[in-house]
C-alpha atoms as a PDB file:
ATOM      1  CA  THR A   1       0.000   0.000   0.000  1.00  0.00           C
ATOM      2  CA  ARG A   2       1.147   3.558  -0.631  1.00  0.00           C
ATOM      3  CA  ILE A   3       1.593   6.051   2.194  1.00  0.00           C
ATOM      4  CA  THR A   4       1.990   9.690   1.153  1.00  0.00           C
ATOM      5  CA  GLU A   5       2.992  12.521   3.462  1.00  0.00           C
ATOM      6  CA  SER A   6       3.155  16.262   2.995  1.00  0.00           C
ATOM      7  CA  VAL A   7       2.581  19.447   4.942  1.00  0.00           C
ATOM      8  CA  SER A   8      -0.044  22.101   4.439  1.00  0.00           C
ATOM      9  CA  MET A   9      -1.706  24.922   6.244  1.00  0.00           C
ATOM     10  CA  VAL A  10      -4.959  23.835   7.919  1.00  0.00           C
ATOM     11  CA  SER A  11      -7.585  26.017   9.545  1.00  0.00           C
ATOM     12  CA  GLY A  12     -10.737  25.284  11.461  1.00  0.00           C
ATOM     13  CA  SER A  13     -12.913  28.194  10.481  1.00  0.00           C
ATOM     14  CA  THR A  14     -13.197  31.107   8.090  1.00  0.00           C
ATOM     15  CA  ALA A  15     -15.204  33.387  10.385  1.00  0.00           C
ATOM     16  CA  GLY A  16     -12.414  35.504  11.822  1.00  0.00           C
ATOM     17  CA  VAL A  17      -9.165  35.776  13.711  1.00  0.00           C
ATOM     18  CA  GLY A  18      -8.905  34.181  17.133  1.00  0.00           C
ATOM     19  CA  ASP A  19     -11.557  31.538  16.560  1.00  0.00           C
ATOM     20  CA  GLY A  20      -9.384  28.794  15.137  1.00  0.00           C
ATOM     21  CA  SER A  21      -9.219  30.328  11.669  1.00  0.00           C
ATOM     22  CA  ALA A  22      -5.488  31.097  11.804  1.00  0.00           C
ATOM     23  CA  PRO A  23      -3.796  28.541   9.541  1.00  0.00           C
ATOM     24  CA  ILE A  24      -1.650  25.928  11.285  1.00  0.00           C
ATOM     25  CA  LEU A  25       1.220  24.071   9.605  1.00  0.00           C
ATOM     26  CA  THR A  26       0.077  20.433   9.674  1.00  0.00           C
ATOM     27  CA  THR A  27       1.544  17.119   8.548  1.00  0.00           C
ATOM     28  CA  LEU A  28      -0.849  15.321   6.196  1.00  0.00           C
ATOM     29  CA  LYS A  29      -0.704  11.556   5.798  1.00  0.00           C
ATOM     30  CA  ALA A  30      -2.718   9.842   3.061  1.00  0.00           C
ATOM     31  CA  VAL A  31      -3.418   6.116   3.455  1.00  0.00           C
ATOM     32  CA  ASP A  32      -5.816   3.522   2.099  1.00  0.00           C
ATOM     33  CA  PRO A  33      -8.066   2.979   5.137  1.00  0.00           C
ATOM     34  CA  HIS A  34      -8.781  -0.605   4.063  1.00  0.00           C
ATOM     35  CA  ALA A  35      -5.106  -1.623   3.713  1.00  0.00           C
ATOM     36  CA  TYR A  36      -3.387   0.477   6.407  1.00  0.00           C
ATOM     37  CA  PRO A  37      -1.804  -0.508   8.741  1.00  0.00           C
ATOM     38  CA  PHE A  38      -0.348  -3.967   8.106  1.00  0.00           C
ATOM     39  CA  ALA A  39       0.604  -4.305  11.760  1.00  0.00           C
ATOM     40  CA  GLY A  40      -0.754  -2.636  14.853  1.00  0.00           C
ATOM     41  CA  VAL A  41      -3.836  -0.482  15.191  1.00  0.00           C
ATOM     42  CA  VAL A  42      -4.608   3.147  14.418  1.00  0.00           C
ATOM     43  CA  GLY A  43      -5.931   4.572  17.681  1.00  0.00           C
ATOM     44  CA  THR A  44      -8.992   6.755  17.139  1.00  0.00           C
ATOM     45  CA  THR A  45     -11.751   8.375  19.150  1.00  0.00           C
ATOM     46  CA  PRO A  46     -14.376   7.132  18.577  1.00  0.00           C
ATOM     47  CA  ALA A  47     -12.718   3.743  18.225  1.00  0.00           C
ATOM     48  CA  GLY A  48     -12.668   1.936  14.895  1.00  0.00           C
ATOM     49  CA  VAL A  49     -13.606   4.760  12.521  1.00  0.00           C
ATOM     50  CA  LEU A  50     -10.621   4.355  10.169  1.00  0.00           C
ATOM     51  CA  PRO A  51     -12.494   2.094   7.671  1.00  0.00           C
ATOM     52  CA  ARG A  52     -15.155   4.823   7.261  1.00  0.00           C
ATOM     53  CA  LEU A  53     -12.567   7.406   6.135  1.00  0.00           C
ATOM     54  CA  ASP A  54     -13.378   8.734   2.632  1.00  0.00           C
ATOM     55  CA  ASP A  55     -12.336  11.593   0.343  1.00  0.00           C
ATOM     56  CA  SER A  56     -14.368  14.161   2.306  1.00  0.00           C
ATOM     57  CA  THR A  57     -13.351  13.157   5.855  1.00  0.00           C
ATOM     58  CA  VAL A  58     -10.211  13.241   8.001  1.00  0.00           C
ATOM     59  CA  LEU A  59      -8.868  12.047  11.324  1.00  0.00           C
ATOM     60  CA  ALA A  60      -7.232  14.909  13.247  1.00  0.00           C
ATOM     61  CA  SER A  61      -4.689  14.778  16.050  1.00  0.00           C
ATOM     62  CA  PRO A  62      -5.822  16.112  19.454  1.00  0.00           C
ATOM     63  CA  ASP A  63      -3.456  19.107  19.220  1.00  0.00           C
ATOM     64  CA  LEU A  64      -4.947  20.123  15.854  1.00  0.00           C
ATOM     65  CA  LEU A  65      -8.463  19.913  17.260  1.00  0.00           C
ATOM     66  CA  LEU A  66      -7.411  21.975  20.268  1.00  0.00           C
ATOM     67  CA  ARG A  67      -5.628  24.640  18.224  1.00  0.00           C
ATOM     68  CA  THR A  68      -8.442  25.005  15.688  1.00  0.00           C
ATOM     69  CA  GLY A  69     -11.236  24.850  18.241  1.00  0.00           C
ATOM     70  CA  GLN A  70     -12.872  22.033  16.294  1.00  0.00           C
ATOM     71  CA  THR A  71     -14.358  18.744  17.498  1.00  0.00           C
ATOM     72  CA  VAL A  72     -15.326  15.460  15.892  1.00  0.00           C
ATOM     73  CA  GLY A  73     -18.088  16.260  13.390  1.00  0.00           C
ATOM     74  CA  GLY A  74     -16.690  19.727  12.684  1.00  0.00           C
ATOM     75  CA  THR A  75     -14.810  20.811   9.575  1.00  0.00           C
ATOM     76  CA  LEU A  76     -11.249  21.684   8.722  1.00  0.00           C
ATOM     77  CA  SER A  77     -10.075  23.598   5.680  1.00  0.00           C
ATOM     78  CA  VAL A  78      -7.057  22.219   3.799  1.00  0.00           C
ATOM     79  CA  ALA A  79      -5.988  24.342   0.828  1.00  0.00           C
ATOM     80  CA  GLY A  80      -9.508  25.769   0.658  1.00  0.00           C
ATOM     81  CA  GLN A  81     -11.216  22.365   0.699  1.00  0.00           C
ATOM     82  CA  LYS A  82     -13.601  21.644   3.561  1.00  0.00           C
ATOM     83  CA  LEU A  83     -13.139  18.205   5.143  1.00  0.00           C
ATOM     84  CA  ARG A  84     -15.349  16.785   7.903  1.00  0.00           C
ATOM     85  CA  ILE A  85     -13.615  15.518  11.038  1.00  0.00           C
ATOM     86  CA  LEU A  86     -14.591  11.849  11.305  1.00  0.00           C
ATOM     87  CA  GLY A  87     -12.609  11.242  14.479  1.00  0.00           C
ATOM     88  CA  GLN A  88      -9.605  12.054  16.601  1.00  0.00           C
ATOM     89  CA  LEU A  89      -6.271  10.489  15.581  1.00  0.00           C
ATOM     90  CA  ASP A  90      -4.791   9.208  18.836  1.00  0.00           C
ATOM     91  CA  SER A  91      -1.954   6.971  17.599  1.00  0.00           C
ATOM     92  CA  GLU A  92      -0.342   5.520  14.477  1.00  0.00           C
ATOM     93  CA  PRO A  93       1.572   2.238  14.724  1.00  0.00           C
ATOM     94  CA  ASP A  94       4.221   3.287  12.203  1.00  0.00           C
ATOM     95  CA  ARG A  95       5.001   6.621  13.847  1.00  0.00           C
ATOM     96  CA  ILE A  96       7.965   6.897  16.186  1.00  0.00           C
ATOM     97  CA  GLU A  97       7.656   9.692  18.749  1.00  0.00           C
ATOM     98  CA  PHE A  98      10.782  11.747  19.444  1.00  0.00           C
ATOM     99  CA  GLY A  99       9.204  14.682  21.234  1.00  0.00           C
ATOM    100  CA  PHE A 100       9.419  16.758  18.033  1.00  0.00           C
ATOM    101  CA  SER A 101       6.914  16.826  15.225  1.00  0.00           C
ATOM    102  CA  LEU A 102       6.359  19.145  12.302  1.00  0.00           C
ATOM    103  CA  GLY A 103       2.990  20.378  13.453  1.00  0.00           C
ATOM    104  CA  PRO A 104      -0.187  18.501  14.260  1.00  0.00           C
ATOM    105  CA  ARG A 105      -1.237  15.478  12.168  1.00  0.00           C
ATOM    106  CA  LEU A 106      -4.101  14.833   9.805  1.00  0.00           C
ATOM    107  CA  LEU A 107      -4.905  11.409   8.337  1.00  0.00           C
ATOM    108  CA  LEU A 108      -6.872  11.287   5.091  1.00  0.00           C
ATOM    109  CA  THR A 109      -7.350   9.101   2.017  1.00  0.00           C
ATOM    110  CA  PRO A 110      -5.261   9.476  -1.171  1.00  0.00           C
ATOM    111  CA  ALA A 111      -8.414  10.759  -2.925  1.00  0.00           C
ATOM    112  CA  GLY A 112      -8.879  13.278  -0.110  1.00  0.00           C
ATOM    113  CA  LEU A 113      -5.284  14.446  -0.530  1.00  0.00           C
ATOM    114  CA  GLN A 114      -5.801  14.805  -4.300  1.00  0.00           C
ATOM    115  CA  ARG A 115      -9.004  16.731  -3.629  1.00  0.00           C
ATOM    116  CA  THR A 116      -7.047  19.382  -1.718  1.00  0.00           C
ATOM    117  CA  GLY A 117      -5.015  20.166  -4.827  1.00  0.00           C
ATOM    118  CA  ILE A 118      -1.705  20.339  -2.935  1.00  0.00           C
ATOM    119  CA  VAL A 119      -0.217  17.452  -4.918  1.00  0.00           C
ATOM    120  CA  GLN A 120       1.277  19.217  -7.910  1.00  0.00           C
ATOM    121  CA  PHE A 121       4.623  19.873  -9.551  1.00  0.00           C
ATOM    122  CA  GLY A 122       7.026  21.340  -7.006  1.00  0.00           C
ATOM    123  CA  SER A 123       5.122  20.113  -3.946  1.00  0.00           C
ATOM    124  CA  GLN A 124       7.097  18.616  -1.077  1.00  0.00           C
ATOM    125  CA  ILE A 125       5.554  15.141  -1.114  1.00  0.00           C
ATOM    126  CA  ARG A 126       7.045  11.973   0.354  1.00  0.00           C
ATOM    127  CA  SER A 127       5.597   8.646  -0.748  1.00  0.00           C
ATOM    128  CA  ARG A 128       6.540   5.165   0.292  1.00  0.00           C
ATOM    129  CA  LEU A 129       5.272   1.784  -0.718  1.00  0.00           C
ATOM    130  CA  VAL A 130       4.709  -0.683   2.084  1.00  0.00           C
ATOM    131  CA  PHE A 131       4.696  -4.405   1.328  1.00  0.00           C
ATOM    132  CA  GLN A 132       3.625  -7.291   3.486  1.00  0.00           C
ATOM    133  CA  LEU A 133       5.076 -10.658   2.539  1.00  0.00           C
ATOM    134  CA  GLY A 134       2.576 -13.455   2.853  1.00  0.00           C
ATOM    135  CA  THR A 135       3.056 -17.109   3.575  1.00  0.00           C
ATOM    136  CA  GLY A 136       5.046 -18.800   0.820  1.00  0.00           C
ATOM    137  CA  ALA A 137       6.565 -15.533  -0.410  1.00  0.00           C
ATOM    138  CA  PRO A 138      10.267 -15.386  -1.242  1.00  0.00           C
ATOM    139  CA  SER A 139      12.609 -14.548   1.642  1.00  0.00           C
ATOM    140  CA  LEU A 140      13.079 -10.917   2.669  1.00  0.00           C
ATOM    141  CA  PRO A 141      16.690 -10.773   1.327  1.00  0.00           C
ATOM    142  CA  ALA A 142      15.481 -12.157  -2.037  1.00  0.00           C
ATOM    143  CA  VAL A 143      12.695  -9.571  -2.255  1.00  0.00           C
ATOM    144  CA  GLU A 144      15.098  -6.774  -1.255  1.00  0.00           C
ATOM    145  CA  ALA A 145      17.555  -7.881  -3.961  1.00  0.00           C
ATOM    146  CA  ARG A 146      14.820  -7.778  -6.618  1.00  0.00           C
ATOM    147  CA  LEU A 147      13.630  -4.352  -5.457  1.00  0.00           C
ATOM    148  CA  ARG A 148      17.198  -2.965  -5.416  1.00  0.00           C
ATOM    149  CA  ALA A 149      17.715  -4.272  -8.955  1.00  0.00           C
ATOM    150  CA  ALA A 150      14.492  -2.595 -10.137  1.00  0.00           C
ATOM    151  CA  TRP A 151      15.032   0.697  -8.251  1.00  0.00           C
ATOM    152  CA  PRO A 152      18.771   1.010  -7.480  1.00  0.00           C
ATOM    153  CA  HIS A 153      18.575   4.586  -6.148  1.00  0.00           C
ATOM    154  CA  THR A 154      15.542   4.105  -3.924  1.00  0.00           C
ATOM    155  CA  PRO A 155      16.141   3.641  -0.181  1.00  0.00           C
ATOM    156  CA  LEU A 156      14.694   0.407   1.173  1.00  0.00           C
ATOM    157  CA  GLN A 157      13.709  -0.225   4.767  1.00  0.00           C
ATOM    158  CA  ASP A 158      12.324  -3.262   6.500  1.00  0.00           C
ATOM    159  CA  ALA A 159      10.553  -3.615   9.831  1.00  0.00           C
ATOM    160  CA  HIS A 160      13.933  -4.014  11.526  1.00  0.00           C
ATOM    161  CA  SER A 161      15.385  -0.824  10.045  1.00  0.00           C
ATOM    162  CA  ILE A 162      12.454   1.576  10.077  1.00  0.00           C
ATOM    163  CA  ASN A 163      14.727   4.609  10.366  1.00  0.00           C
ATOM    164  CA  PRO A 164      18.315   4.038   9.167  1.00  0.00           C
ATOM    165  CA  ASN A 165      19.461   7.403  10.571  1.00  0.00           C
ATOM    166  CA  LEU A 166      18.107   6.481  13.998  1.00  0.00           C
ATOM    167  CA  SER A 167      19.751   3.045  13.830  1.00  0.00           C
ATOM    168  CA  ARG A 168      23.067   4.598  12.815  1.00  0.00           C
ATOM    169  CA  GLY A 169      22.807   7.175  15.602  1.00  0.00           C
ATOM    170  CA  LEU A 170      22.058   4.501  18.194  1.00  0.00           C
ATOM    171  CA  ASP A 171      25.019   2.435  16.956  1.00  0.00           C
ATOM    172  CA  HIS A 172      27.315   5.464  17.303  1.00  0.00           C
ATOM    173  CA  ALA A 173      25.943   6.247  20.775  1.00  0.00           C
ATOM    174  CA  THR A 174      26.466   2.631  21.848  1.00  0.00           C
ATOM    175  CA  THR A 175      30.055   2.705  20.582  1.00  0.00           C
ATOM    176  CA  PHE A 176      30.702   6.015  22.343  1.00  0.00           C
ATOM    177  CA  LEU A 177      29.207   4.878  25.651  1.00  0.00           C
ATOM    178  CA  THR A 178      31.139   1.605  25.469  1.00  0.00           C
ATOM    179  CA  PHE A 179      34.348   3.549  24.844  1.00  0.00           C
ATOM    180  CA  ILE A 180      33.896   6.011  27.731  1.00  0.00           C
ATOM    181  CA  SER A 181      32.895   3.254  30.165  1.00  0.00           C
ATOM    182  CA  LEU A 182      36.260   1.480  29.713  1.00  0.00           C
END
Protein backbone atom coordinates (compact mmCIF):
# COMPACT_ATOMS: atom_id res chain seq x y z
CA THR A 1 0.00 0.00 0.00
CA ARG A 2 1.15 3.56 -0.63
CA ILE A 3 1.59 6.05 2.19
CA THR A 4 1.99 9.69 1.15
CA GLU A 5 2.99 12.52 3.46
CA SER A 6 3.16 16.26 2.99
CA VAL A 7 2.58 19.45 4.94
CA SER A 8 -0.04 22.10 4.44
CA MET A 9 -1.71 24.92 6.24
CA VAL A 10 -4.96 23.84 7.92
CA SER A 11 -7.59 26.02 9.54
CA GLY A 12 -10.74 25.28 11.46
CA SER A 13 -12.91 28.19 10.48
CA THR A 14 -13.20 31.11 8.09
CA ALA A 15 -15.20 33.39 10.38
CA GLY A 16 -12.41 35.50 11.82
CA VAL A 17 -9.17 35.78 13.71
CA GLY A 18 -8.90 34.18 17.13
CA ASP A 19 -11.56 31.54 16.56
CA GLY A 20 -9.38 28.79 15.14
CA SER A 21 -9.22 30.33 11.67
CA ALA A 22 -5.49 31.10 11.80
CA PRO A 23 -3.80 28.54 9.54
CA ILE A 24 -1.65 25.93 11.29
CA LEU A 25 1.22 24.07 9.61
CA THR A 26 0.08 20.43 9.67
CA THR A 27 1.54 17.12 8.55
CA LEU A 28 -0.85 15.32 6.20
CA LYS A 29 -0.70 11.56 5.80
CA ALA A 30 -2.72 9.84 3.06
CA VAL A 31 -3.42 6.12 3.46
CA ASP A 32 -5.82 3.52 2.10
CA PRO A 33 -8.07 2.98 5.14
CA HIS A 34 -8.78 -0.60 4.06
CA ALA A 35 -5.11 -1.62 3.71
CA TYR A 36 -3.39 0.48 6.41
CA PRO A 37 -1.80 -0.51 8.74
CA PHE A 38 -0.35 -3.97 8.11
CA ALA A 39 0.60 -4.30 11.76
CA GLY A 40 -0.75 -2.64 14.85
CA VAL A 41 -3.84 -0.48 15.19
CA VAL A 42 -4.61 3.15 14.42
CA GLY A 43 -5.93 4.57 17.68
CA THR A 44 -8.99 6.75 17.14
CA THR A 45 -11.75 8.37 19.15
CA PRO A 46 -14.38 7.13 18.58
CA ALA A 47 -12.72 3.74 18.22
CA GLY A 48 -12.67 1.94 14.90
CA VAL A 49 -13.61 4.76 12.52
CA LEU A 50 -10.62 4.36 10.17
CA PRO A 51 -12.49 2.09 7.67
CA ARG A 52 -15.15 4.82 7.26
CA LEU A 53 -12.57 7.41 6.14
CA ASP A 54 -13.38 8.73 2.63
CA ASP A 55 -12.34 11.59 0.34
CA SER A 56 -14.37 14.16 2.31
CA THR A 57 -13.35 13.16 5.85
CA VAL A 58 -10.21 13.24 8.00
CA LEU A 59 -8.87 12.05 11.32
CA ALA A 60 -7.23 14.91 13.25
CA SER A 61 -4.69 14.78 16.05
CA PRO A 62 -5.82 16.11 19.45
CA ASP A 63 -3.46 19.11 19.22
CA LEU A 64 -4.95 20.12 15.85
CA LEU A 65 -8.46 19.91 17.26
CA LEU A 66 -7.41 21.97 20.27
CA ARG A 67 -5.63 24.64 18.22
CA THR A 68 -8.44 25.01 15.69
CA GLY A 69 -11.24 24.85 18.24
CA GLN A 70 -12.87 22.03 16.29
CA THR A 71 -14.36 18.74 17.50
CA VAL A 72 -15.33 15.46 15.89
CA GLY A 73 -18.09 16.26 13.39
CA GLY A 74 -16.69 19.73 12.68
CA THR A 75 -14.81 20.81 9.58
CA LEU A 76 -11.25 21.68 8.72
CA SER A 77 -10.07 23.60 5.68
CA VAL A 78 -7.06 22.22 3.80
CA ALA A 79 -5.99 24.34 0.83
CA GLY A 80 -9.51 25.77 0.66
CA GLN A 81 -11.22 22.37 0.70
CA LYS A 82 -13.60 21.64 3.56
CA LEU A 83 -13.14 18.21 5.14
CA ARG A 84 -15.35 16.79 7.90
CA ILE A 85 -13.62 15.52 11.04
CA LEU A 86 -14.59 11.85 11.30
CA GLY A 87 -12.61 11.24 14.48
CA GLN A 88 -9.61 12.05 16.60
CA LEU A 89 -6.27 10.49 15.58
CA ASP A 90 -4.79 9.21 18.84
CA SER A 91 -1.95 6.97 17.60
CA GLU A 92 -0.34 5.52 14.48
CA PRO A 93 1.57 2.24 14.72
CA ASP A 94 4.22 3.29 12.20
CA ARG A 95 5.00 6.62 13.85
CA ILE A 96 7.96 6.90 16.19
CA GLU A 97 7.66 9.69 18.75
CA PHE A 98 10.78 11.75 19.44
CA GLY A 99 9.20 14.68 21.23
CA PHE A 100 9.42 16.76 18.03
CA SER A 101 6.91 16.83 15.22
CA LEU A 102 6.36 19.15 12.30
CA GLY A 103 2.99 20.38 13.45
CA PRO A 104 -0.19 18.50 14.26
CA ARG A 105 -1.24 15.48 12.17
CA LEU A 106 -4.10 14.83 9.81
CA LEU A 107 -4.90 11.41 8.34
CA LEU A 108 -6.87 11.29 5.09
CA THR A 109 -7.35 9.10 2.02
CA PRO A 110 -5.26 9.48 -1.17
CA ALA A 111 -8.41 10.76 -2.92
CA GLY A 112 -8.88 13.28 -0.11
CA LEU A 113 -5.28 14.45 -0.53
CA GLN A 114 -5.80 14.81 -4.30
CA ARG A 115 -9.00 16.73 -3.63
CA THR A 116 -7.05 19.38 -1.72
CA GLY A 117 -5.01 20.17 -4.83
CA ILE A 118 -1.71 20.34 -2.94
CA VAL A 119 -0.22 17.45 -4.92
CA GLN A 120 1.28 19.22 -7.91
CA PHE A 121 4.62 19.87 -9.55
CA GLY A 122 7.03 21.34 -7.01
CA SER A 123 5.12 20.11 -3.95
CA GLN A 124 7.10 18.62 -1.08
CA ILE A 125 5.55 15.14 -1.11
CA ARG A 126 7.05 11.97 0.35
CA SER A 127 5.60 8.65 -0.75
CA ARG A 128 6.54 5.17 0.29
CA LEU A 129 5.27 1.78 -0.72
CA VAL A 130 4.71 -0.68 2.08
CA PHE A 131 4.70 -4.41 1.33
CA GLN A 132 3.63 -7.29 3.49
CA LEU A 133 5.08 -10.66 2.54
CA GLY A 134 2.58 -13.45 2.85
CA THR A 135 3.06 -17.11 3.57
CA GLY A 136 5.05 -18.80 0.82
CA ALA A 137 6.57 -15.53 -0.41
CA PRO A 138 10.27 -15.39 -1.24
CA SER A 139 12.61 -14.55 1.64
CA LEU A 140 13.08 -10.92 2.67
CA PRO A 141 16.69 -10.77 1.33
CA ALA A 142 15.48 -12.16 -2.04
CA VAL A 143 12.69 -9.57 -2.26
CA GLU A 144 15.10 -6.77 -1.25
CA ALA A 145 17.56 -7.88 -3.96
CA ARG A 146 14.82 -7.78 -6.62
CA LEU A 147 13.63 -4.35 -5.46
CA ARG A 148 17.20 -2.97 -5.42
CA ALA A 149 17.71 -4.27 -8.96
CA ALA A 150 14.49 -2.59 -10.14
CA TRP A 151 15.03 0.70 -8.25
CA PRO A 152 18.77 1.01 -7.48
CA HIS A 153 18.58 4.59 -6.15
CA THR A 154 15.54 4.10 -3.92
CA PRO A 155 16.14 3.64 -0.18
CA LEU A 156 14.69 0.41 1.17
CA GLN A 157 13.71 -0.22 4.77
CA ASP A 158 12.32 -3.26 6.50
CA ALA A 159 10.55 -3.61 9.83
CA HIS A 160 13.93 -4.01 11.53
CA SER A 161 15.39 -0.82 10.04
CA ILE A 162 12.45 1.58 10.08
CA ASN A 163 14.73 4.61 10.37
CA PRO A 164 18.32 4.04 9.17
CA ASN A 165 19.46 7.40 10.57
CA LEU A 166 18.11 6.48 14.00
CA SER A 167 19.75 3.05 13.83
CA ARG A 168 23.07 4.60 12.81
CA GLY A 169 22.81 7.17 15.60
CA LEU A 170 22.06 4.50 18.19
CA ASP A 171 25.02 2.44 16.96
CA HIS A 172 27.32 5.46 17.30
CA ALA A 173 25.94 6.25 20.78
CA THR A 174 26.47 2.63 21.85
CA THR A 175 30.05 2.70 20.58
CA PHE A 176 30.70 6.01 22.34
CA LEU A 177 29.21 4.88 25.65
CA THR A 178 31.14 1.60 25.47
CA PHE A 179 34.35 3.55 24.84
CA ILE A 180 33.90 6.01 27.73
CA SER A 181 32.89 3.25 30.17
CA LEU A 182 36.26 1.48 29.71
